[in-house]
């Protein structure tokens, strides 16, 4: 038996942003009917070749069993999963955005009809922005 969810959301496990991220998803998309994937670094798991296959297998359940046609990926600044001392905020945002784009490419290559939306939460400004 399959069920229909509005979308799948890939977010970081970081407890500091759980409530804010859930509120953003529910308010922005107008529903709480979504599958939630919580991984260290969010997009990082799809961007890293060592963990990519597991991430794809997880997402395939959302698509195959819950008929999701859209995946939302949200990364955030000050993410410990990266374990990097970025030289600047610009470098940090560039790397996070790069991994978000890689995540989208991996997902759309694996699931061609899937719509993938990317967001970045900035801890300092307390804002979610679209990553194009």
N, C-alpha and C. Protein backbone atom coordinates (compact mmCIF):
# COMPACT_ATOMS: atom_id res chain seq x y z
N UNK A 1 0.84 -1.18 0.00
CA UNK A 1 0.00 0.00 0.00
C UNK A 1 0.88 1.24 0.00
N UNK A 2 0.49 2.24 -0.75
CA UNK A 2 1.27 3.47 -0.78
C UNK A 2 0.42 4.64 -0.28
N UNK A 3 1.10 5.65 0.15
CA UNK A 3 0.45 6.84 0.67
C UNK A 3 1.01 8.04 -0.07
N UNK A 4 0.30 9.14 -0.04
CA UNK A 4 0.74 10.35 -0.72
C UNK A 4 1.20 11.38 0.31
N UNK A 5 2.43 11.82 0.18
CA UNK A 5 2.88 12.92 1.04
C UNK A 5 3.14 14.13 0.14
N UNK A 6 3.11 15.30 0.73
CA UNK A 6 3.28 16.52 -0.04
C UNK A 6 4.70 16.64 -0.61
N UNK A 7 5.68 16.22 0.17
CA UNK A 7 7.07 16.29 -0.26
C UNK A 7 7.94 15.57 0.76
N UNK A 8 9.20 15.40 0.41
CA UNK A 8 10.20 14.92 1.35
C UNK A 8 11.11 16.08 1.70
N UNK A 9 11.53 16.15 2.95
CA UNK A 9 12.42 17.22 3.39
C UNK A 9 13.69 16.61 3.97
N UNK A 10 14.82 17.07 3.46
CA UNK A 10 16.12 16.63 3.97
C UNK A 10 16.71 17.80 4.75
N UNK A 11 16.92 17.57 6.04
CA UNK A 11 17.43 18.62 6.93
C UNK A 11 18.58 18.07 7.76
N UNK A 12 19.29 18.96 8.42
CA UNK A 12 20.37 18.54 9.31
C UNK A 12 19.80 18.06 10.64
N UNK A 13 20.53 17.20 11.30
CA UNK A 13 20.08 16.67 12.59
C UNK A 13 20.21 17.69 13.72
N UNK A 14 20.88 18.80 13.49
CA UNK A 14 21.21 19.76 14.54
C UNK A 14 19.96 20.23 15.30
N UNK A 15 19.92 19.91 16.57
CA UNK A 15 18.77 20.23 17.43
C UNK A 15 18.51 21.73 17.53
N UNK A 16 19.54 22.54 17.33
CA UNK A 16 19.38 23.99 17.46
C UNK A 16 18.39 24.57 16.47
N UNK A 17 18.20 23.89 15.34
CA UNK A 17 17.38 24.44 14.27
C UNK A 17 16.14 23.60 13.98
N UNK A 18 15.91 22.55 14.76
CA UNK A 18 14.80 21.64 14.49
C UNK A 18 13.46 22.36 14.47
N UNK A 19 13.16 23.09 15.50
CA UNK A 19 11.88 23.78 15.60
C UNK A 19 11.72 24.83 14.50
N UNK A 20 12.76 25.61 14.28
CA UNK A 20 12.72 26.65 13.25
C UNK A 20 12.54 26.04 11.86
N UNK A 21 13.24 24.96 11.59
CA UNK A 21 13.14 24.31 10.28
C UNK A 21 11.76 23.70 10.08
N UNK A 22 11.23 23.03 11.09
CA UNK A 22 9.89 22.44 10.98
C UNK A 22 8.85 23.53 10.75
N UNK A 23 8.95 24.63 11.49
CA UNK A 23 8.01 25.74 11.31
C UNK A 23 8.12 26.32 9.90
N UNK A 24 9.35 26.49 9.41
CA UNK A 24 9.53 27.00 8.05
C UNK A 24 8.84 26.08 7.04
N UNK A 25 9.10 24.79 7.15
CA UNK A 25 8.52 23.84 6.19
C UNK A 25 6.99 23.87 6.23
N UNK A 26 6.43 23.82 7.42
CA UNK A 26 4.98 23.81 7.55
C UNK A 26 4.36 25.12 7.08
N UNK A 27 4.96 26.24 7.41
CA UNK A 27 4.40 27.54 7.01
C UNK A 27 4.62 27.82 5.53
N UNK A 28 5.81 27.53 5.04
CA UNK A 28 6.14 27.82 3.64
C UNK A 28 5.35 26.94 2.67
N UNK A 29 5.16 25.68 3.03
CA UNK A 29 4.48 24.75 2.13
C UNK A 29 3.03 24.48 2.54
N UNK A 30 2.62 25.01 3.68
CA UNK A 30 1.22 24.94 4.08
C UNK A 30 0.73 23.57 4.50
N UNK A 31 1.64 22.71 4.94
CA UNK A 31 1.23 21.36 5.35
C UNK A 31 2.29 20.74 6.26
N UNK A 32 1.83 19.81 7.08
CA UNK A 32 2.77 19.02 7.87
C UNK A 32 2.83 17.59 7.35
N UNK A 33 2.31 17.36 6.17
CA UNK A 33 2.27 16.04 5.55
C UNK A 33 3.49 15.84 4.66
N UNK A 34 4.65 15.69 5.29
CA UNK A 34 5.87 15.46 4.53
C UNK A 34 6.74 14.45 5.27
N UNK A 35 7.55 13.74 4.50
CA UNK A 35 8.54 12.82 5.06
C UNK A 35 9.75 13.64 5.45
N UNK A 36 10.32 13.34 6.60
CA UNK A 36 11.46 14.10 7.10
C UNK A 36 12.69 13.20 7.20
N UNK A 37 13.75 13.61 6.52
CA UNK A 37 15.05 12.94 6.60
C UNK A 37 15.98 13.88 7.35
N UNK A 38 16.56 13.41 8.43
CA UNK A 38 17.43 14.23 9.25
C UNK A 38 18.81 13.58 9.29
N UNK A 39 19.74 14.20 8.56
CA UNK A 39 21.10 13.67 8.43
C UNK A 39 22.11 14.73 8.83
N UNK A 40 23.25 14.35 9.39
CA UNK A 40 24.29 15.34 9.66
C UNK A 40 24.70 16.04 8.35
N UNK A 41 24.56 17.34 8.33
CA UNK A 41 24.95 18.10 7.15
C UNK A 41 23.92 18.18 6.05
N UNK A 42 22.80 17.50 6.19
CA UNK A 42 21.71 17.51 5.19
C UNK A 42 22.24 17.18 3.80
N UNK A 43 22.49 18.17 2.97
CA UNK A 43 22.94 17.95 1.59
C UNK A 43 24.27 17.21 1.52
N UNK A 44 25.04 17.33 2.56
CA UNK A 44 26.38 16.71 2.60
C UNK A 44 26.31 15.20 2.34
N UNK A 45 25.28 14.54 2.85
CA UNK A 45 25.16 13.09 2.69
C UNK A 45 24.97 12.71 1.22
N UNK A 46 24.29 13.54 0.46
CA UNK A 46 24.11 13.29 -0.97
C UNK A 46 25.33 13.73 -1.78
N UNK A 47 26.05 14.73 -1.30
CA UNK A 47 27.20 15.25 -2.02
C UNK A 47 28.44 14.38 -1.84
N UNK A 48 28.47 13.60 -0.77
CA UNK A 48 29.63 12.77 -0.44
C UNK A 48 29.46 11.38 -1.07
N UNK A 49 30.39 10.99 -1.91
CA UNK A 49 30.27 9.70 -2.61
C UNK A 49 30.24 8.52 -1.65
N UNK A 50 30.80 8.67 -0.46
CA UNK A 50 30.82 7.57 0.52
C UNK A 50 29.45 7.30 1.14
N UNK A 51 28.59 8.30 1.18
CA UNK A 51 27.28 8.16 1.82
C UNK A 51 26.11 8.35 0.85
N UNK A 52 26.43 8.64 -0.37
CA UNK A 52 25.42 8.94 -1.39
C UNK A 52 24.42 7.81 -1.63
N UNK A 53 24.89 6.58 -1.74
CA UNK A 53 24.01 5.45 -2.05
C UNK A 53 22.97 5.24 -0.95
N UNK A 54 23.38 5.38 0.29
CA UNK A 54 22.45 5.24 1.41
C UNK A 54 21.39 6.33 1.37
N UNK A 55 21.83 7.55 1.07
CA UNK A 55 20.89 8.67 0.99
C UNK A 55 19.87 8.45 -0.12
N UNK A 56 20.33 7.99 -1.26
CA UNK A 56 19.42 7.72 -2.38
C UNK A 56 18.42 6.63 -2.01
N UNK A 57 18.90 5.59 -1.34
CA UNK A 57 18.00 4.51 -0.91
C UNK A 57 16.93 5.04 0.04
N UNK A 58 17.32 5.91 0.95
CA UNK A 58 16.34 6.51 1.87
C UNK A 58 15.30 7.32 1.12
N UNK A 59 15.75 8.17 0.23
CA UNK A 59 14.84 9.03 -0.52
C UNK A 59 13.92 8.21 -1.42
N UNK A 60 14.41 7.10 -1.93
CA UNK A 60 13.58 6.28 -2.82
C UNK A 60 12.34 5.75 -2.11
N UNK A 61 12.41 5.54 -0.81
CA UNK A 61 11.23 5.11 -0.05
C UNK A 61 10.16 6.19 -0.09
N UNK A 62 10.59 7.42 0.10
CA UNK A 62 9.67 8.56 0.06
C UNK A 62 8.99 8.67 -1.31
N UNK A 63 9.75 8.45 -2.34
CA UNK A 63 9.22 8.57 -3.70
C UNK A 63 8.38 7.35 -4.07
N UNK A 64 8.90 6.16 -3.81
CA UNK A 64 8.22 4.93 -4.21
C UNK A 64 7.02 4.58 -3.34
N UNK A 65 7.14 4.77 -2.05
CA UNK A 65 6.07 4.35 -1.13
C UNK A 65 5.09 5.47 -0.80
N UNK A 66 5.57 6.71 -0.80
CA UNK A 66 4.71 7.83 -0.40
C UNK A 66 4.41 8.78 -1.55
N UNK A 67 4.85 8.40 -2.74
CA UNK A 67 4.52 9.13 -3.97
C UNK A 67 4.92 10.59 -3.96
N UNK A 68 6.00 10.91 -3.30
CA UNK A 68 6.48 12.30 -3.29
C UNK A 68 7.00 12.67 -4.67
N UNK A 69 6.66 13.85 -5.11
CA UNK A 69 7.12 14.36 -6.39
C UNK A 69 8.11 15.51 -6.21
N UNK A 70 8.33 15.88 -4.94
CA UNK A 70 9.22 17.01 -4.64
C UNK A 70 10.03 16.67 -3.39
N UNK A 71 11.30 17.09 -3.43
CA UNK A 71 12.19 16.99 -2.28
C UNK A 71 12.72 18.39 -1.99
N UNK A 72 12.71 18.75 -0.72
CA UNK A 72 13.24 20.02 -0.26
C UNK A 72 14.50 19.70 0.55
N UNK A 73 15.59 20.38 0.26
CA UNK A 73 16.85 20.16 0.98
C UNK A 73 17.24 21.48 1.65
N UNK A 74 17.46 21.41 2.97
CA UNK A 74 17.83 22.61 3.73
C UNK A 74 19.14 22.36 4.47
N UNK A 75 20.14 23.14 4.14
CA UNK A 75 21.39 23.13 4.89
C UNK A 75 21.44 24.41 5.72
N UNK A 76 22.40 24.46 6.66
CA UNK A 76 22.49 25.65 7.51
C UNK A 76 23.94 26.02 7.77
N UNK A 77 24.15 27.29 8.06
CA UNK A 77 25.49 27.75 8.43
C UNK A 77 25.83 27.23 9.82
N UNK A 78 27.10 27.27 10.15
CA UNK A 78 27.60 26.80 11.44
C UNK A 78 27.29 25.31 11.63
N UNK A 79 27.47 24.53 10.58
CA UNK A 79 27.16 23.10 10.61
C UNK A 79 28.39 22.30 11.02
N UNK A 80 28.29 21.62 12.15
CA UNK A 80 29.40 20.83 12.67
C UNK A 80 29.74 19.61 11.84
N UNK A 81 28.82 19.15 11.00
CA UNK A 81 29.10 17.98 10.16
C UNK A 81 30.24 18.25 9.19
N UNK A 82 30.46 19.51 8.87
CA UNK A 82 31.53 19.86 7.93
C UNK A 82 32.90 19.84 8.59
N UNK A 83 32.96 20.10 9.88
CA UNK A 83 34.22 20.06 10.62
C UNK A 83 35.32 20.85 9.89
N UNK A 84 34.93 22.04 9.42
CA UNK A 84 35.85 22.91 8.68
C UNK A 84 35.82 24.29 9.33
N UNK A 85 36.98 24.88 9.49
CA UNK A 85 37.05 26.28 9.89
C UNK A 85 37.11 27.11 8.61
N UNK A 86 35.95 27.56 8.15
CA UNK A 86 35.91 28.34 6.92
C UNK A 86 36.62 29.67 7.13
N UNK A 87 37.31 30.13 6.10
CA UNK A 87 38.05 31.38 6.21
C UNK A 87 37.12 32.58 6.28
N UNK A 88 35.93 32.45 5.70
CA UNK A 88 34.98 33.56 5.71
C UNK A 88 33.56 33.01 5.57
N UNK A 89 32.61 33.85 5.88
CA UNK A 89 31.21 33.49 5.71
C UNK A 89 30.93 33.20 4.23
N UNK A 90 31.55 33.96 3.36
CA UNK A 90 31.39 33.75 1.91
C UNK A 90 31.85 32.35 1.52
N UNK A 91 32.99 31.92 2.04
CA UNK A 91 33.49 30.58 1.73
C UNK A 91 32.54 29.50 2.26
N UNK A 92 32.02 29.73 3.46
CA UNK A 92 31.08 28.77 4.05
C UNK A 92 29.81 28.65 3.20
N UNK A 93 29.24 29.78 2.84
CA UNK A 93 28.02 29.77 2.03
C UNK A 93 28.29 29.16 0.66
N UNK A 94 29.44 29.43 0.10
CA UNK A 94 29.81 28.86 -1.20
C UNK A 94 29.86 27.33 -1.11
N UNK A 95 30.50 26.79 -0.07
CA UNK A 95 30.60 25.33 0.08
C UNK A 95 29.23 24.70 0.33
N UNK A 96 28.44 25.29 1.20
CA UNK A 96 27.10 24.76 1.47
C UNK A 96 26.25 24.79 0.21
N UNK A 97 26.32 25.87 -0.53
CA UNK A 97 25.55 25.99 -1.78
C UNK A 97 26.02 24.97 -2.81
N UNK A 98 27.33 24.76 -2.87
CA UNK A 98 27.88 23.76 -3.79
C UNK A 98 27.33 22.37 -3.46
N UNK A 99 27.32 22.02 -2.19
CA UNK A 99 26.78 20.72 -1.79
C UNK A 99 25.28 20.63 -2.03
N UNK A 100 24.56 21.71 -1.85
CA UNK A 100 23.13 21.71 -2.15
C UNK A 100 22.92 21.46 -3.65
N UNK A 101 23.70 22.12 -4.50
CA UNK A 101 23.58 21.90 -5.95
C UNK A 101 23.93 20.47 -6.33
N UNK A 102 24.98 19.93 -5.70
CA UNK A 102 25.35 18.54 -5.97
C UNK A 102 24.22 17.61 -5.54
N UNK A 103 23.63 17.87 -4.40
CA UNK A 103 22.50 17.05 -3.93
C UNK A 103 21.36 17.07 -4.95
N UNK A 104 21.04 18.26 -5.45
CA UNK A 104 19.98 18.34 -6.46
C UNK A 104 20.35 17.56 -7.71
N UNK A 105 21.59 17.68 -8.16
CA UNK A 105 22.02 16.96 -9.36
C UNK A 105 21.93 15.45 -9.15
N UNK A 106 22.36 14.98 -8.01
CA UNK A 106 22.31 13.54 -7.70
C UNK A 106 20.85 13.07 -7.69
N UNK A 107 19.99 13.81 -7.04
CA UNK A 107 18.58 13.41 -6.95
C UNK A 107 17.89 13.42 -8.30
N UNK A 108 18.12 14.46 -9.09
CA UNK A 108 17.43 14.54 -10.38
C UNK A 108 18.01 13.55 -11.40
N UNK A 109 19.28 13.18 -11.22
CA UNK A 109 19.85 12.15 -12.08
C UNK A 109 19.21 10.80 -11.76
N UNK A 110 19.03 10.53 -10.48
CA UNK A 110 18.46 9.26 -10.04
C UNK A 110 16.95 9.20 -10.26
N UNK A 111 16.28 10.35 -10.07
CA UNK A 111 14.82 10.45 -10.17
C UNK A 111 14.48 11.62 -11.10
N UNK A 112 14.53 11.40 -12.42
CA UNK A 112 14.42 12.50 -13.39
C UNK A 112 13.15 13.36 -13.27
N UNK A 113 12.06 12.81 -12.82
CA UNK A 113 10.83 13.60 -12.75
C UNK A 113 10.68 14.34 -11.42
N UNK A 114 11.64 14.19 -10.54
CA UNK A 114 11.58 14.79 -9.21
C UNK A 114 11.88 16.28 -9.26
N UNK A 115 11.10 17.06 -8.55
CA UNK A 115 11.36 18.48 -8.35
C UNK A 115 12.17 18.62 -7.06
N UNK A 116 13.27 19.36 -7.12
CA UNK A 116 14.13 19.52 -5.95
C UNK A 116 14.30 21.01 -5.66
N UNK A 117 13.99 21.40 -4.44
CA UNK A 117 14.13 22.79 -4.01
C UNK A 117 15.21 22.87 -2.94
N UNK A 118 16.04 23.90 -3.02
CA UNK A 118 17.17 24.06 -2.13
C UNK A 118 17.03 25.33 -1.30
N UNK A 119 17.36 25.20 -0.01
CA UNK A 119 17.30 26.35 0.90
C UNK A 119 18.53 26.32 1.80
N UNK A 120 18.91 27.52 2.24
CA UNK A 120 19.99 27.66 3.19
C UNK A 120 19.48 28.50 4.35
N UNK A 121 19.65 27.95 5.55
CA UNK A 121 19.29 28.70 6.75
C UNK A 121 20.56 29.34 7.29
N UNK A 122 20.52 30.66 7.47
CA UNK A 122 21.65 31.40 8.00
C UNK A 122 21.42 31.62 9.49
N UNK A 123 22.24 30.99 10.30
CA UNK A 123 22.10 31.07 11.75
C UNK A 123 22.23 32.51 12.25
N UNK A 124 23.09 33.29 11.62
CA UNK A 124 23.34 34.65 12.09
C UNK A 124 22.19 35.61 11.77
N UNK A 125 21.59 35.46 10.60
CA UNK A 125 20.49 36.36 10.22
C UNK A 125 19.12 35.77 10.55
N UNK A 126 19.10 34.47 10.91
CA UNK A 126 17.85 33.78 11.23
C UNK A 126 16.89 33.76 10.04
N UNK A 127 17.45 33.57 8.85
CA UNK A 127 16.63 33.58 7.63
C UNK A 127 16.91 32.36 6.76
N UNK A 128 15.84 31.92 6.09
CA UNK A 128 15.94 30.87 5.08
C UNK A 128 15.96 31.57 3.73
N UNK A 129 16.91 31.19 2.88
CA UNK A 129 16.94 31.75 1.52
C UNK A 129 16.94 30.61 0.52
N UNK A 130 16.37 30.88 -0.63
CA UNK A 130 16.36 29.93 -1.72
C UNK A 130 17.74 29.90 -2.36
N UNK A 131 18.21 28.72 -2.65
CA UNK A 131 19.47 28.54 -3.37
C UNK A 131 19.11 28.08 -4.77
N UNK A 132 19.43 28.89 -5.75
CA UNK A 132 19.09 28.55 -7.15
C UNK A 132 20.18 27.80 -7.84
